[in-house]
Protein backbone atom coordinates (compact mmCIF):
# COMPACT_ATOMS: atom_id res chain seq x y z
CA MET A 1 -89.26 -57.14 -127.18
CA ASN A 2 -88.71 -53.49 -126.68
CA VAL A 3 -87.88 -51.33 -129.64
CA ILE A 4 -86.91 -47.62 -130.21
CA LEU A 5 -88.85 -45.64 -132.75
CA LYS A 6 -86.77 -45.36 -135.94
CA THR A 7 -88.68 -45.06 -139.14
CA SER A 8 -87.52 -43.93 -142.56
CA VAL A 9 -88.41 -44.13 -146.25
CA VAL A 10 -85.27 -44.32 -148.50
CA CYS A 11 -85.41 -43.94 -152.39
CA VAL A 12 -82.65 -45.57 -154.31
CA ALA A 13 -81.73 -44.16 -157.60
CA SER A 14 -80.82 -47.28 -159.50
CA VAL A 15 -81.11 -51.03 -159.24
CA VAL A 16 -79.61 -54.04 -160.93
CA LEU A 17 -82.26 -56.48 -161.79
CA LEU A 18 -81.30 -60.07 -161.92
CA THR A 19 -83.45 -61.82 -164.48
CA ALA A 20 -82.10 -65.14 -163.71
CA VAL A 21 -83.69 -65.40 -160.36
CA ALA A 22 -87.42 -65.09 -161.26
CA ALA A 23 -88.27 -68.21 -159.34
CA SER A 24 -86.36 -67.61 -156.17
CA GLY A 25 -86.09 -63.88 -156.00
CA PHE A 26 -82.31 -64.08 -155.41
CA ALA A 27 -79.08 -64.97 -157.11
CA GLN A 28 -77.15 -67.78 -155.54
CA ALA A 29 -73.68 -66.93 -154.43
CA PRO A 30 -70.92 -68.53 -156.33
CA GLY A 31 -69.22 -71.32 -154.43
CA ALA A 32 -71.63 -71.17 -151.59
CA GLU A 33 -71.63 -74.51 -149.85
CA ALA A 34 -73.81 -75.78 -147.10
CA THR A 35 -72.52 -77.39 -143.86
CA HIS A 36 -75.67 -79.59 -143.56
CA LEU A 37 -78.09 -80.56 -146.37
CA GLU A 38 -81.69 -81.62 -146.24
CA VAL A 39 -82.13 -81.61 -142.40
CA ALA A 40 -85.79 -82.31 -141.62
CA TYR A 41 -87.46 -80.02 -139.28
CA ASP A 42 -90.79 -81.76 -139.44
CA ASP A 43 -92.24 -85.00 -140.98
CA ASP A 44 -95.44 -84.01 -142.53
CA HIS A 45 -93.98 -83.73 -146.05
CA LYS A 46 -90.56 -84.40 -147.68
CA SER A 47 -90.19 -80.64 -148.47
CA GLN A 48 -89.89 -79.61 -144.78
CA CYS A 49 -86.17 -79.48 -144.69
CA VAL A 50 -83.38 -76.85 -144.16
CA ASP A 51 -79.88 -76.32 -145.53
CA VAL A 52 -77.48 -74.94 -142.93
CA TYR A 53 -74.54 -72.69 -143.69
CA LEU A 54 -72.46 -72.41 -140.60
CA ALA A 55 -70.03 -69.61 -139.97
CA LYS A 56 -66.55 -70.57 -138.48
CA SER A 57 -66.31 -68.83 -135.09
CA ASP A 58 -65.13 -69.68 -131.68
CA LYS A 59 -68.28 -68.00 -130.32
CA PRO A 60 -71.95 -68.52 -131.04
CA THR A 61 -72.96 -66.42 -134.08
CA PRO A 62 -76.19 -64.75 -134.90
CA ALA A 63 -78.24 -66.52 -137.83
CA ILE A 64 -80.44 -65.49 -140.62
CA ILE A 65 -83.38 -67.78 -141.74
CA PHE A 66 -83.63 -67.44 -145.46
CA ILE A 67 -87.16 -68.14 -147.04
CA HIS A 68 -87.16 -68.31 -150.83
CA GLY A 69 -89.79 -67.01 -153.23
CA GLY A 70 -91.64 -68.47 -156.05
CA GLY A 71 -95.30 -67.76 -155.65
CA TRP A 72 -95.68 -70.27 -152.86
CA ARG A 73 -95.66 -72.84 -155.53
CA ALA A 74 -92.12 -72.95 -156.77
CA GLY A 75 -88.48 -71.90 -156.14
CA SER A 76 -85.83 -73.47 -154.02
CA LYS A 77 -83.89 -72.87 -150.87
CA LYS A 78 -80.79 -73.52 -152.85
CA HIS A 79 -80.59 -70.01 -154.12
CA VAL A 80 -79.18 -68.26 -151.04
CA PRO A 81 -78.36 -64.62 -151.72
CA GLY A 82 -74.87 -63.45 -151.97
CA TRP A 83 -75.15 -60.80 -149.33
CA LEU A 84 -76.03 -63.50 -146.73
CA THR A 85 -73.32 -65.98 -147.81
CA ALA A 86 -70.75 -62.96 -147.50
CA PHE A 87 -71.61 -62.96 -143.80
CA VAL A 88 -71.08 -66.57 -143.55
CA ALA A 89 -67.67 -66.49 -145.33
CA GLU A 90 -66.57 -63.66 -142.86
CA GLY A 91 -67.58 -65.80 -140.03
CA ARG A 92 -70.13 -63.26 -138.78
CA LEU A 93 -73.40 -65.09 -138.92
CA SER A 94 -74.85 -68.46 -140.04
CA VAL A 95 -77.66 -68.95 -142.60
CA VAL A 96 -80.45 -71.48 -142.46
CA ALA A 97 -82.34 -71.86 -145.78
CA VAL A 98 -85.93 -73.26 -145.50
CA GLU A 99 -87.92 -75.22 -147.77
CA TYR A 100 -91.67 -75.36 -147.14
CA ARG A 101 -94.90 -77.02 -148.51
CA PHE A 102 -96.05 -75.37 -151.73
CA THR A 103 -99.69 -74.69 -152.34
CA ASP A 104 -100.10 -77.71 -154.73
CA VAL A 105 -99.53 -79.68 -151.53
CA GLU A 106 -101.37 -77.71 -149.03
CA THR A 107 -102.73 -74.12 -148.76
CA HIS A 108 -102.34 -71.54 -146.14
CA PRO A 109 -101.54 -71.75 -143.27
CA ALA A 110 -99.17 -74.58 -144.14
CA GLN A 111 -96.38 -72.35 -145.51
CA VAL A 112 -96.40 -69.88 -142.46
CA ASN A 113 -96.60 -72.78 -140.04
CA ASP A 114 -93.49 -74.47 -141.77
CA CYS A 115 -91.51 -71.15 -141.49
CA LEU A 116 -92.47 -70.60 -137.84
CA ARG A 117 -91.45 -74.15 -136.94
CA ALA A 118 -88.17 -73.79 -138.82
CA VAL A 119 -87.32 -70.75 -136.53
CA GLN A 120 -88.10 -73.01 -133.43
CA PHE A 121 -86.08 -75.85 -135.04
CA VAL A 122 -83.02 -73.57 -135.39
CA ARG A 123 -83.33 -72.56 -131.62
CA HIS A 124 -83.67 -76.24 -130.77
CA ASN A 125 -80.20 -76.84 -132.48
CA ALA A 126 -78.59 -73.67 -131.70
CA LYS A 127 -76.00 -75.18 -129.23
CA LYS A 128 -75.02 -77.89 -131.70
CA TRP A 129 -74.75 -75.43 -134.59
CA ASN A 130 -72.94 -72.77 -132.51
CA ILE A 131 -75.81 -70.29 -133.01
CA ASP A 132 -76.79 -67.51 -130.66
CA GLU A 133 -80.60 -68.28 -130.27
CA LYS A 134 -81.19 -64.74 -128.99
CA ARG A 135 -80.17 -63.29 -132.32
CA LEU A 136 -82.06 -64.76 -135.17
CA GLY A 137 -83.22 -62.76 -138.13
CA VAL A 138 -85.35 -63.68 -141.28
CA THR A 139 -85.34 -62.50 -144.89
CA GLY A 140 -86.79 -63.50 -148.31
CA GLY A 141 -88.04 -62.06 -151.52
CA SER A 142 -91.60 -62.17 -153.07
CA ALA A 143 -93.48 -65.09 -151.46
CA GLY A 144 -90.35 -65.35 -149.15
CA GLY A 145 -90.79 -61.70 -148.30
CA HIS A 146 -94.43 -62.36 -147.34
CA LEU A 147 -93.38 -65.33 -145.17
CA SER A 148 -90.59 -63.34 -143.60
CA ALA A 149 -92.82 -60.53 -142.54
CA TYR A 150 -95.41 -62.93 -141.28
CA VAL A 151 -92.74 -64.70 -139.05
CA ALA A 152 -91.53 -61.44 -137.89
CA LEU A 153 -95.00 -59.98 -137.00
CA HIS A 154 -96.73 -63.08 -135.78
CA ASP A 155 -97.14 -63.76 -132.09
CA ASP A 156 -94.93 -66.34 -130.48
CA VAL A 157 -96.27 -69.88 -131.17
CA ALA A 158 -93.97 -71.53 -128.31
CA ASP A 159 -95.83 -74.16 -126.32
CA PRO A 160 -93.84 -74.77 -123.15
CA GLU A 161 -96.05 -77.75 -122.33
CA SER A 162 -95.69 -79.42 -125.60
CA ASP A 163 -94.38 -83.11 -125.78
CA ASP A 164 -92.48 -81.99 -128.94
CA PRO A 165 -89.32 -80.35 -127.87
CA VAL A 166 -89.14 -78.21 -131.02
CA LYS A 167 -92.53 -76.67 -130.12
CA ARG A 168 -91.35 -75.50 -126.72
CA HIS A 169 -89.04 -72.88 -128.35
CA SER A 170 -89.85 -69.33 -129.37
CA SER A 171 -90.69 -68.49 -132.96
CA ARG A 172 -89.78 -64.78 -132.45
CA VAL A 173 -87.02 -63.26 -134.40
CA ALA A 174 -84.79 -60.05 -133.83
CA CYS A 175 -85.21 -58.48 -137.21
CA ALA A 176 -86.57 -58.99 -140.77
CA VAL A 177 -85.74 -57.80 -144.22
CA SER A 178 -88.50 -58.46 -146.85
CA PHE A 179 -87.88 -57.92 -150.59
CA ALA A 180 -91.11 -57.16 -152.58
CA GLY A 181 -93.27 -59.20 -150.23
CA PRO A 182 -96.99 -58.81 -150.15
CA THR A 183 -98.45 -58.02 -146.76
CA ASP A 184 -102.12 -57.06 -147.12
CA TRP A 185 -104.76 -59.24 -149.03
CA SER A 186 -107.43 -56.65 -148.26
CA LEU A 187 -105.79 -54.62 -151.17
CA LEU A 188 -107.11 -57.15 -153.68
CA SER A 189 -110.48 -55.38 -153.39
CA SER A 190 -109.14 -52.01 -154.28
CA ILE A 191 -106.07 -52.79 -156.54
CA ASP A 192 -105.84 -55.20 -159.51
CA HIS A 193 -103.85 -58.21 -158.55
CA ARG A 194 -103.70 -60.49 -161.69
CA HIS A 195 -101.22 -62.97 -160.38
CA PRO A 196 -103.08 -66.27 -159.62
CA ALA A 197 -100.78 -67.04 -156.58
CA TYR A 198 -102.69 -64.75 -154.24
CA ARG A 199 -105.87 -66.67 -154.46
CA GLN A 200 -104.12 -69.99 -154.81
CA LEU A 201 -102.35 -69.47 -151.46
CA ILE A 202 -105.69 -69.34 -149.71
CA GLY A 203 -107.42 -72.08 -151.52
CA TYR A 204 -109.26 -70.23 -154.36
CA GLU A 205 -109.17 -70.54 -158.04
CA PRO A 206 -107.45 -67.85 -160.16
CA GLY A 207 -109.69 -65.12 -161.04
CA THR A 208 -112.03 -65.48 -158.12
CA PRO A 209 -113.64 -61.97 -157.33
CA ALA A 210 -112.08 -60.39 -154.40
CA ALA A 211 -115.48 -60.00 -152.95
CA ASP A 212 -115.82 -63.90 -152.80
CA LEU A 213 -112.72 -64.42 -150.69
CA ALA A 214 -113.40 -65.28 -147.04
CA PRO A 215 -112.57 -62.15 -144.88
CA LYS A 216 -111.18 -64.48 -142.20
CA LEU A 217 -108.54 -65.84 -144.71
CA ILE A 218 -107.77 -62.46 -145.96
CA LYS A 219 -106.96 -61.29 -142.51
CA ASP A 220 -105.16 -64.41 -141.30
CA VAL A 221 -102.81 -64.60 -144.40
CA SER A 222 -101.89 -60.85 -144.26
CA PRO A 223 -98.91 -60.04 -142.07
CA ILE A 224 -100.21 -56.44 -141.47
CA SER A 225 -102.90 -58.15 -139.41
CA PHE A 226 -100.35 -59.00 -136.71
CA VAL A 227 -98.66 -55.65 -136.11
CA SER A 228 -98.04 -55.07 -132.45
CA LYS A 229 -95.75 -52.85 -130.36
CA ASP A 230 -93.42 -55.75 -129.49
CA ASP A 231 -92.46 -56.47 -133.12
CA PRO A 232 -88.79 -56.47 -134.24
CA PRO A 233 -87.24 -53.99 -136.62
CA ILE A 234 -88.29 -54.54 -140.12
CA MET A 235 -86.89 -53.45 -143.40
CA GLN A 236 -88.88 -53.46 -146.63
CA VAL A 237 -87.38 -53.10 -150.28
CA HIS A 238 -89.92 -52.50 -152.96
CA GLY A 239 -90.13 -51.15 -156.45
CA ASP A 240 -92.62 -48.37 -157.22
CA LYS A 241 -93.40 -50.04 -160.56
CA ASP A 242 -94.08 -53.44 -159.23
CA ASP A 243 -97.12 -54.65 -160.95
CA ILE A 244 -97.22 -58.07 -159.22
CA VAL A 245 -96.89 -56.79 -155.58
CA PRO A 246 -98.02 -53.14 -155.62
CA LEU A 247 -95.99 -50.82 -153.47
CA ALA A 248 -99.09 -50.22 -151.25
CA HIS A 249 -98.32 -53.49 -149.57
CA ALA A 250 -94.96 -52.14 -148.33
CA SER A 251 -96.06 -48.54 -147.67
CA ASN A 252 -99.20 -49.46 -145.78
CA LEU A 253 -97.20 -51.89 -143.47
CA HIS A 254 -94.59 -49.23 -142.98
CA ARG A 255 -97.05 -46.56 -141.90
CA LYS A 256 -98.76 -49.06 -139.53
CA LEU A 257 -95.43 -49.93 -137.91
CA GLU A 258 -94.44 -46.35 -137.75
CA ALA A 259 -97.70 -45.36 -136.04
CA ILE A 260 -97.14 -47.65 -133.07
CA GLY A 261 -93.34 -46.95 -132.65
CA VAL A 262 -91.92 -50.16 -134.27
CA THR A 263 -88.50 -49.55 -136.03
CA SER A 264 -89.39 -49.68 -139.73
CA GLU A 265 -87.26 -48.94 -142.91
CA LEU A 266 -88.95 -48.84 -146.35
CA VAL A 267 -86.35 -48.67 -149.33
CA VAL A 268 -88.34 -47.65 -152.42
CA ILE A 269 -86.71 -48.40 -155.85
CA PRO A 270 -87.70 -45.75 -158.36
CA GLY A 271 -88.85 -47.48 -161.62
CA GLY A 272 -88.18 -50.79 -160.06
CA ASP A 273 -90.46 -53.64 -160.81
CA HIS A 274 -90.96 -57.07 -158.98
CA GLY A 275 -87.33 -57.96 -159.75
CA VAL A 276 -86.14 -55.85 -156.92
CA SER A 277 -86.23 -58.99 -154.87
CA GLY A 278 -83.02 -59.90 -156.54
CA ALA A 279 -81.41 -56.46 -156.52
CA GLY A 280 -77.73 -55.96 -155.80
CA GLY A 281 -75.50 -53.02 -155.51
CA ASP A 282 -76.68 -50.28 -153.11
CA THR A 283 -79.82 -52.33 -152.20
CA ALA A 284 -77.75 -55.25 -151.02
CA LYS A 285 -75.43 -52.73 -149.06
CA ARG A 286 -78.51 -51.45 -147.29
CA SER A 287 -79.74 -54.79 -146.27
CA THR A 288 -76.40 -55.67 -145.02
CA ALA A 289 -76.20 -52.51 -142.99
CA PHE A 290 -79.66 -53.18 -141.52
CA VAL A 291 -78.62 -56.62 -140.35
CA GLN A 292 -75.37 -55.26 -139.00
CA ARG A 293 -77.31 -52.73 -136.84
CA HIS A 294 -80.08 -54.92 -135.65
CA LEU A 295 -78.49 -58.33 -135.34
CA LEU A 296 -74.67 -58.07 -135.26
CA SER A 297 -74.06 -54.91 -133.23
CA PRO A 298 -73.38 -55.22 -129.50
CA SER A 299 -76.59 -53.21 -128.72
CA SER A 300 -78.79 -55.95 -130.49
CA ARG A 301 -77.75 -58.62 -127.84
């Protein structure tokens, strides 16, 4: 898809940290109710299901695919962020919350494969769910931020000749919002990453020296590896005091996108730690505005 150069780094003076959302990265919106629950998008594992929150509209609406966090090993699709359910309540867009295989079931690339298929599954059901298949976005925090960026940057996995009708659909999205998501595993060799999830995701024991990690896996698990000129607009929200996912993950990706002319917006939270994935207030307003510009505006069609 063609994009117009539009890059910026935004600093937000304050942030509300939601400590109750450590596992998912987001606070669930009060009273949020799914239209469809536990809809299977594949049959390899019981976790491969989505919850669907459909907006009431006479016309097909855009949709956001929400991917929860939790170190690729925990968390739940049930915790849909309030800024998304507000769109649903207003009848402006639908939300599809994805569950995926955790690393105690299977390691990378199971998680990214599940999320890419979930996008294809939404397109396969777009007519039934009154969704505009040309206007799909993706968002998530922490591990969900990583998976969101991966989905947005990865090449299309559609296979027009497949016997599986879901696989025939495109996996590309129109925009992405990543909250505190890791993007570049090569940083493990230069910055201390103590959280065990980085290594567990690619099949290594916690504490394995970075020099012992397979270069092929480091490259393939990193969303930054897939940056290309046809990538959709991406917004990243990150705290400059995040000691779980260092800010370099977001800033490096931002610079690489900027260098080739992809629309990129980096919102840096001064003093913010990894809890920014559950930020409200001005940060939620900025993510809402980003989605309005790149998914809901007439020019995004």
